[in-house]
């Protein structure tokens, strides 16, 4: 499948970015929205197995532990019990495909999308 997203981040470069991000290296470059969509599309085409599927999941369904690293407001989301990772990735990916700024960094966009998709209940709600 050919994509028209301009340049694509290679699998190797994205893997290095993941490793550096996991290690807390601020020099690591996050993928853009277009790059993440491209990686996720390739992962889907490969049956959601392998390195690209892991990369897609890492960026499209992050744990909230990653969010505190960036400057600016922190997004919070509350994924309901029983929601699968695949379901979350599918919902995020659908929104990323329509996201107007394809060059925006996925680490900034995805948490905001997750907060819209899975808003947390108001404080004090049981």
N, C-alpha and C. Protein backbone atom coordinates (compact mmCIF):
# COMPACT_ATOMS: atom_id res chain seq x y z
N UNK A 1 0.84 -1.16 0.00
CA UNK A 1 0.00 0.00 0.00
C UNK A 1 0.89 1.24 0.00
N UNK A 2 0.60 2.17 -0.87
CA UNK A 2 1.39 3.39 -0.97
C UNK A 2 0.67 4.54 -0.28
N UNK A 3 1.40 5.34 0.46
CA UNK A 3 0.81 6.46 1.18
C UNK A 3 1.30 7.76 0.57
N UNK A 4 0.50 8.79 0.66
CA UNK A 4 0.86 10.09 0.11
C UNK A 4 1.14 11.11 1.22
N UNK A 5 1.80 10.68 2.26
CA UNK A 5 2.04 11.55 3.41
C UNK A 5 3.37 12.30 3.31
N UNK A 6 3.95 12.39 2.13
CA UNK A 6 5.25 13.04 2.03
C UNK A 6 6.31 12.07 2.51
N UNK A 7 7.16 12.49 3.43
CA UNK A 7 8.18 11.57 3.95
C UNK A 7 7.60 10.67 5.01
N UNK A 8 8.13 9.49 5.12
CA UNK A 8 7.68 8.54 6.15
C UNK A 8 8.86 8.25 7.06
N UNK A 9 8.56 8.13 8.31
CA UNK A 9 9.57 7.74 9.29
C UNK A 9 9.77 6.24 9.12
N UNK A 10 11.00 5.83 8.93
CA UNK A 10 11.26 4.40 8.73
C UNK A 10 10.97 3.63 10.01
N UNK A 11 10.71 2.34 9.86
CA UNK A 11 10.47 1.49 11.02
C UNK A 11 11.64 1.55 11.98
N UNK A 12 12.83 1.52 11.43
CA UNK A 12 14.03 1.56 12.28
C UNK A 12 14.10 2.88 13.06
N UNK A 13 13.81 4.00 12.39
CA UNK A 13 13.87 5.29 13.07
C UNK A 13 12.79 5.38 14.14
N UNK A 14 11.61 4.84 13.85
CA UNK A 14 10.54 4.88 14.85
C UNK A 14 10.89 3.98 16.04
N UNK A 15 11.51 2.84 15.79
CA UNK A 15 11.94 1.96 16.87
C UNK A 15 12.97 2.66 17.75
N UNK A 16 13.90 3.36 17.13
CA UNK A 16 14.91 4.10 17.89
C UNK A 16 14.22 5.19 18.71
N UNK A 17 13.24 5.87 18.11
CA UNK A 17 12.51 6.90 18.85
C UNK A 17 11.81 6.31 20.06
N UNK A 18 11.19 5.15 19.88
CA UNK A 18 10.51 4.50 21.01
C UNK A 18 11.51 4.17 22.10
N UNK A 19 12.64 3.61 21.72
CA UNK A 19 13.65 3.24 22.72
C UNK A 19 14.16 4.47 23.46
N UNK A 20 14.40 5.55 22.73
CA UNK A 20 14.89 6.77 23.36
C UNK A 20 13.83 7.41 24.24
N UNK A 21 12.57 7.40 23.76
CA UNK A 21 11.49 7.94 24.59
C UNK A 21 11.35 7.13 25.87
N UNK A 22 11.42 5.83 25.75
CA UNK A 22 11.30 4.97 26.93
C UNK A 22 12.42 5.24 27.91
N UNK A 23 13.58 5.60 27.38
CA UNK A 23 14.73 5.88 28.24
C UNK A 23 14.72 7.32 28.75
N UNK A 24 13.71 8.11 28.32
CA UNK A 24 13.62 9.49 28.78
C UNK A 24 14.52 10.45 28.04
N UNK A 25 14.96 10.10 26.85
CA UNK A 25 15.84 10.96 26.07
C UNK A 25 15.02 12.02 25.36
N UNK A 26 15.21 13.28 25.73
CA UNK A 26 14.44 14.38 25.14
C UNK A 26 14.80 14.61 23.68
N UNK A 27 15.92 14.09 23.20
CA UNK A 27 16.33 14.30 21.81
C UNK A 27 15.56 13.41 20.84
N UNK A 28 14.85 12.43 21.33
CA UNK A 28 14.10 11.54 20.46
C UNK A 28 12.99 12.31 19.77
N UNK A 29 12.79 12.04 18.49
CA UNK A 29 11.76 12.72 17.73
C UNK A 29 10.51 11.87 17.71
N UNK A 30 9.41 12.46 18.13
CA UNK A 30 8.14 11.75 18.10
C UNK A 30 7.63 11.70 16.67
N UNK A 31 6.82 10.71 16.34
CA UNK A 31 6.26 10.68 14.99
C UNK A 31 5.18 11.74 14.83
N UNK A 32 5.00 12.18 13.60
CA UNK A 32 3.90 13.09 13.30
C UNK A 32 2.61 12.28 13.21
N UNK A 33 1.50 12.96 13.12
CA UNK A 33 0.21 12.30 12.93
C UNK A 33 0.26 11.44 11.67
N UNK A 34 0.78 12.00 10.57
CA UNK A 34 0.85 11.25 9.31
C UNK A 34 1.73 10.01 9.44
N UNK A 35 2.85 10.14 10.12
CA UNK A 35 3.75 9.00 10.30
C UNK A 35 3.10 7.91 11.13
N UNK A 36 2.39 8.31 12.19
CA UNK A 36 1.73 7.32 13.03
C UNK A 36 0.62 6.60 12.27
N UNK A 37 -0.16 7.33 11.50
CA UNK A 37 -1.21 6.71 10.69
C UNK A 37 -0.59 5.72 9.71
N UNK A 38 0.51 6.09 9.11
CA UNK A 38 1.19 5.21 8.15
C UNK A 38 1.66 3.93 8.81
N UNK A 39 2.28 4.05 9.98
CA UNK A 39 2.76 2.88 10.71
C UNK A 39 1.58 1.99 11.10
N UNK A 40 0.52 2.60 11.60
CA UNK A 40 -0.65 1.82 12.01
C UNK A 40 -1.32 1.13 10.83
N UNK A 41 -1.37 1.80 9.69
CA UNK A 41 -1.94 1.18 8.49
C UNK A 41 -1.12 -0.04 8.06
N UNK A 42 0.19 0.09 8.13
CA UNK A 42 1.04 -1.06 7.77
C UNK A 42 0.85 -2.18 8.78
N UNK A 43 0.73 -1.84 10.06
CA UNK A 43 0.50 -2.85 11.09
C UNK A 43 -0.81 -3.59 10.84
N UNK A 44 -1.86 -2.85 10.51
CA UNK A 44 -3.15 -3.48 10.20
C UNK A 44 -3.02 -4.42 9.01
N UNK A 45 -2.29 -3.99 7.98
CA UNK A 45 -2.10 -4.82 6.79
C UNK A 45 -1.33 -6.11 7.11
N UNK A 46 -0.54 -6.08 8.18
CA UNK A 46 0.25 -7.24 8.58
C UNK A 46 -0.42 -8.03 9.71
N UNK A 47 -1.71 -7.80 9.91
CA UNK A 47 -2.45 -8.55 10.93
C UNK A 47 -2.15 -8.14 12.36
N UNK A 48 -1.72 -6.88 12.55
CA UNK A 48 -1.40 -6.37 13.88
C UNK A 48 -0.39 -7.24 14.62
N UNK A 49 0.59 -7.68 13.91
CA UNK A 49 1.67 -8.47 14.51
C UNK A 49 3.00 -7.81 14.15
N UNK A 50 3.93 -7.92 15.04
CA UNK A 50 5.27 -7.45 14.75
C UNK A 50 5.57 -6.06 15.30
N UNK A 51 6.70 -5.56 14.86
CA UNK A 51 7.26 -4.30 15.37
C UNK A 51 6.34 -3.11 15.10
N UNK A 52 5.79 -3.02 13.90
CA UNK A 52 4.96 -1.87 13.59
C UNK A 52 3.66 -1.87 14.41
N UNK A 53 3.13 -3.05 14.69
CA UNK A 53 1.94 -3.12 15.56
C UNK A 53 2.28 -2.63 16.96
N UNK A 54 3.44 -3.00 17.46
CA UNK A 54 3.87 -2.54 18.78
C UNK A 54 4.08 -1.03 18.79
N UNK A 55 4.66 -0.49 17.71
CA UNK A 55 4.87 0.95 17.63
C UNK A 55 3.54 1.69 17.56
N UNK A 56 2.60 1.15 16.78
CA UNK A 56 1.28 1.76 16.67
C UNK A 56 0.62 1.82 18.04
N UNK A 57 0.64 0.71 18.74
CA UNK A 57 0.02 0.66 20.07
C UNK A 57 0.70 1.61 21.04
N UNK A 58 2.02 1.68 21.00
CA UNK A 58 2.78 2.54 21.91
C UNK A 58 2.35 3.99 21.79
N UNK A 59 2.16 4.47 20.55
CA UNK A 59 1.83 5.87 20.34
C UNK A 59 0.33 6.15 20.28
N UNK A 60 -0.48 5.20 19.81
CA UNK A 60 -1.92 5.45 19.65
C UNK A 60 -2.72 5.11 20.91
N UNK A 61 -2.17 4.28 21.78
CA UNK A 61 -2.86 3.93 23.03
C UNK A 61 -1.88 3.99 24.18
N UNK A 62 -1.29 5.17 24.42
CA UNK A 62 -0.26 5.27 25.46
C UNK A 62 -0.86 5.16 26.86
N UNK A 63 -0.02 4.73 27.78
CA UNK A 63 -0.45 4.79 29.17
C UNK A 63 -0.30 6.24 29.62
N UNK A 64 -1.05 6.64 30.61
CA UNK A 64 -0.97 8.03 31.06
C UNK A 64 0.38 8.36 31.69
N UNK A 65 1.18 7.35 31.96
CA UNK A 65 2.50 7.59 32.55
C UNK A 65 3.40 8.36 31.59
N UNK A 66 3.14 8.29 30.26
CA UNK A 66 3.95 9.00 29.28
C UNK A 66 3.59 10.47 29.18
N UNK A 67 2.39 10.84 29.56
CA UNK A 67 1.88 12.18 29.28
C UNK A 67 2.62 13.26 30.04
N UNK A 68 3.06 13.01 31.24
CA UNK A 68 3.69 14.04 32.06
C UNK A 68 5.02 14.54 31.56
N UNK A 69 5.56 13.94 30.52
CA UNK A 69 6.89 14.35 30.04
C UNK A 69 6.87 15.66 29.27
N UNK A 70 5.79 15.95 28.58
CA UNK A 70 5.78 17.15 27.76
C UNK A 70 5.35 18.36 28.59
N UNK A 71 5.71 19.53 28.09
CA UNK A 71 5.30 20.75 28.76
C UNK A 71 3.87 21.07 28.34
N UNK A 72 3.20 21.85 29.11
CA UNK A 72 1.84 22.24 28.77
C UNK A 72 0.85 21.45 29.58
N UNK A 73 -0.44 21.67 29.27
CA UNK A 73 -1.48 21.00 30.07
C UNK A 73 -1.44 19.49 29.89
N UNK A 74 -1.74 18.80 30.95
CA UNK A 74 -1.74 17.34 30.92
C UNK A 74 -3.16 16.86 30.64
N UNK A 75 -3.29 16.01 29.65
CA UNK A 75 -4.59 15.42 29.32
C UNK A 75 -4.80 14.18 30.16
N UNK A 76 -6.02 13.96 30.56
CA UNK A 76 -6.37 12.75 31.30
C UNK A 76 -7.53 12.08 30.59
N UNK A 77 -7.53 10.78 30.61
CA UNK A 77 -8.62 10.03 30.01
C UNK A 77 -8.90 8.82 30.87
N UNK A 78 -10.10 8.29 30.74
CA UNK A 78 -10.53 7.16 31.54
C UNK A 78 -11.13 6.11 30.62
N UNK A 79 -10.30 5.18 30.21
CA UNK A 79 -10.76 4.10 29.34
C UNK A 79 -11.63 3.17 30.18
N UNK A 80 -12.85 2.87 29.70
CA UNK A 80 -13.73 2.01 30.50
C UNK A 80 -13.18 0.60 30.63
N UNK A 81 -13.52 -0.04 31.74
CA UNK A 81 -13.14 -1.44 31.93
C UNK A 81 -13.71 -2.25 30.77
N UNK A 82 -12.95 -3.18 30.30
CA UNK A 82 -13.40 -4.04 29.21
C UNK A 82 -13.06 -3.53 27.83
N UNK A 83 -12.62 -2.28 27.71
CA UNK A 83 -12.23 -1.75 26.39
C UNK A 83 -10.87 -2.35 26.03
N UNK A 84 -10.78 -2.92 24.87
CA UNK A 84 -9.53 -3.55 24.44
C UNK A 84 -8.56 -2.50 23.90
N UNK A 85 -7.29 -2.84 23.93
CA UNK A 85 -6.27 -1.98 23.33
C UNK A 85 -6.59 -1.78 21.85
N UNK A 86 -6.99 -2.85 21.18
CA UNK A 86 -7.32 -2.77 19.76
C UNK A 86 -8.47 -1.79 19.53
N UNK A 87 -9.46 -1.81 20.41
CA UNK A 87 -10.59 -0.89 20.29
C UNK A 87 -10.16 0.55 20.47
N UNK A 88 -9.29 0.77 21.45
CA UNK A 88 -8.77 2.11 21.68
C UNK A 88 -7.97 2.59 20.48
N UNK A 89 -7.07 1.75 19.98
CA UNK A 89 -6.25 2.13 18.82
C UNK A 89 -7.15 2.45 17.63
N UNK A 90 -8.16 1.63 17.40
CA UNK A 90 -9.08 1.84 16.27
C UNK A 90 -9.77 3.20 16.36
N UNK A 91 -10.24 3.57 17.55
CA UNK A 91 -10.91 4.85 17.74
C UNK A 91 -9.96 6.02 17.55
N UNK A 92 -8.76 5.90 18.10
CA UNK A 92 -7.77 6.97 17.96
C UNK A 92 -7.35 7.10 16.50
N UNK A 93 -7.12 5.99 15.85
CA UNK A 93 -6.70 6.00 14.45
C UNK A 93 -7.76 6.65 13.56
N UNK A 94 -9.02 6.36 13.82
CA UNK A 94 -10.11 6.98 13.04
C UNK A 94 -10.04 8.50 13.15
N UNK A 95 -9.77 9.00 14.34
CA UNK A 95 -9.67 10.46 14.53
C UNK A 95 -8.39 11.03 13.94
N UNK A 96 -7.30 10.26 14.06
CA UNK A 96 -6.03 10.73 13.47
C UNK A 96 -6.15 10.86 11.95
N UNK A 97 -6.88 9.97 11.32
CA UNK A 97 -7.05 10.03 9.87
C UNK A 97 -7.75 11.32 9.44
N UNK A 98 -8.56 11.89 10.32
CA UNK A 98 -9.29 13.13 10.00
C UNK A 98 -8.62 14.37 10.59
N UNK A 99 -7.53 14.17 11.31
CA UNK A 99 -6.89 15.29 11.99
C UNK A 99 -6.33 16.27 10.95
N UNK A 100 -6.64 17.56 11.08
CA UNK A 100 -6.28 18.51 10.03
C UNK A 100 -4.77 18.78 9.87
N UNK A 101 -4.02 18.76 10.95
CA UNK A 101 -2.58 19.05 10.87
C UNK A 101 -1.80 17.75 10.87
N UNK A 102 -1.51 17.24 9.69
CA UNK A 102 -0.82 15.96 9.54
C UNK A 102 0.62 16.01 10.05
N UNK A 103 1.17 17.21 10.22
CA UNK A 103 2.56 17.34 10.68
C UNK A 103 2.67 17.46 12.20
N UNK A 104 1.55 17.61 12.88
CA UNK A 104 1.57 17.74 14.34
C UNK A 104 2.16 16.49 14.98
N UNK A 105 2.81 16.67 16.11
CA UNK A 105 3.41 15.55 16.82
C UNK A 105 2.34 14.67 17.47
N UNK A 106 2.47 13.37 17.27
CA UNK A 106 1.50 12.42 17.80
C UNK A 106 1.46 12.45 19.33
N UNK A 107 2.59 12.70 19.98
CA UNK A 107 2.61 12.72 21.44
C UNK A 107 1.79 13.87 22.02
N UNK A 108 1.57 14.92 21.25
CA UNK A 108 0.73 16.02 21.71
C UNK A 108 -0.73 15.80 21.33
N UNK A 109 -0.97 15.21 20.18
CA UNK A 109 -2.33 15.06 19.65
C UNK A 109 -3.08 13.90 20.31
N UNK A 110 -2.44 12.75 20.43
CA UNK A 110 -3.13 11.54 20.90
C UNK A 110 -3.71 11.70 22.31
N UNK A 111 -2.99 12.24 23.29
CA UNK A 111 -3.61 12.39 24.61
C UNK A 111 -4.88 13.27 24.58
N UNK A 112 -4.87 14.32 23.78
CA UNK A 112 -6.06 15.17 23.67
C UNK A 112 -7.22 14.40 23.05
N UNK A 113 -6.92 13.58 22.04
CA UNK A 113 -7.97 12.77 21.42
C UNK A 113 -8.51 11.74 22.42
N UNK A 114 -7.62 11.11 23.17
CA UNK A 114 -8.06 10.14 24.17
C UNK A 114 -8.96 10.78 25.22
N UNK A 115 -8.63 12.01 25.62
CA UNK A 115 -9.45 12.72 26.60
C UNK A 115 -10.83 13.03 26.04
N UNK A 116 -10.92 13.26 24.73
CA UNK A 116 -12.22 13.50 24.09
C UNK A 116 -13.01 12.19 23.97
N UNK A 117 -12.34 11.13 23.59
CA UNK A 117 -13.00 9.84 23.38
C UNK A 117 -13.43 9.22 24.70
N UNK A 118 -12.57 9.32 25.70
CA UNK A 118 -12.80 8.68 27.00
C UNK A 118 -12.72 9.71 28.13
N UNK A 119 -13.69 10.61 28.20
CA UNK A 119 -13.63 11.62 29.27
C UNK A 119 -13.78 10.94 30.65
N UNK A 120 -13.10 11.50 31.60
CA UNK A 120 -13.21 10.97 32.97
C UNK A 120 -14.47 11.54 33.61
N UNK A 121 -15.08 10.77 34.51
CA UNK A 121 -16.27 11.28 35.20
C UNK A 121 -15.89 12.47 36.08
N UNK A 122 -16.84 13.35 36.34
CA UNK A 122 -16.54 14.48 37.23
C UNK A 122 -16.08 13.98 38.59
N UNK A 123 -15.25 14.77 39.23
CA UNK A 123 -14.76 14.41 40.57
C UNK A 123 -15.94 14.20 41.51
N UNK A 124 -15.83 13.20 42.36
CA UNK A 124 -16.88 12.91 43.32
C UNK A 124 -17.94 11.95 42.79
N UNK A 125 -17.86 11.61 41.50
CA UNK A 125 -18.82 10.66 40.94
C UNK A 125 -18.36 9.25 41.30
N UNK A 126 -19.25 8.44 41.82
CA UNK A 126 -18.83 7.08 42.21
C UNK A 126 -18.49 6.23 41.02
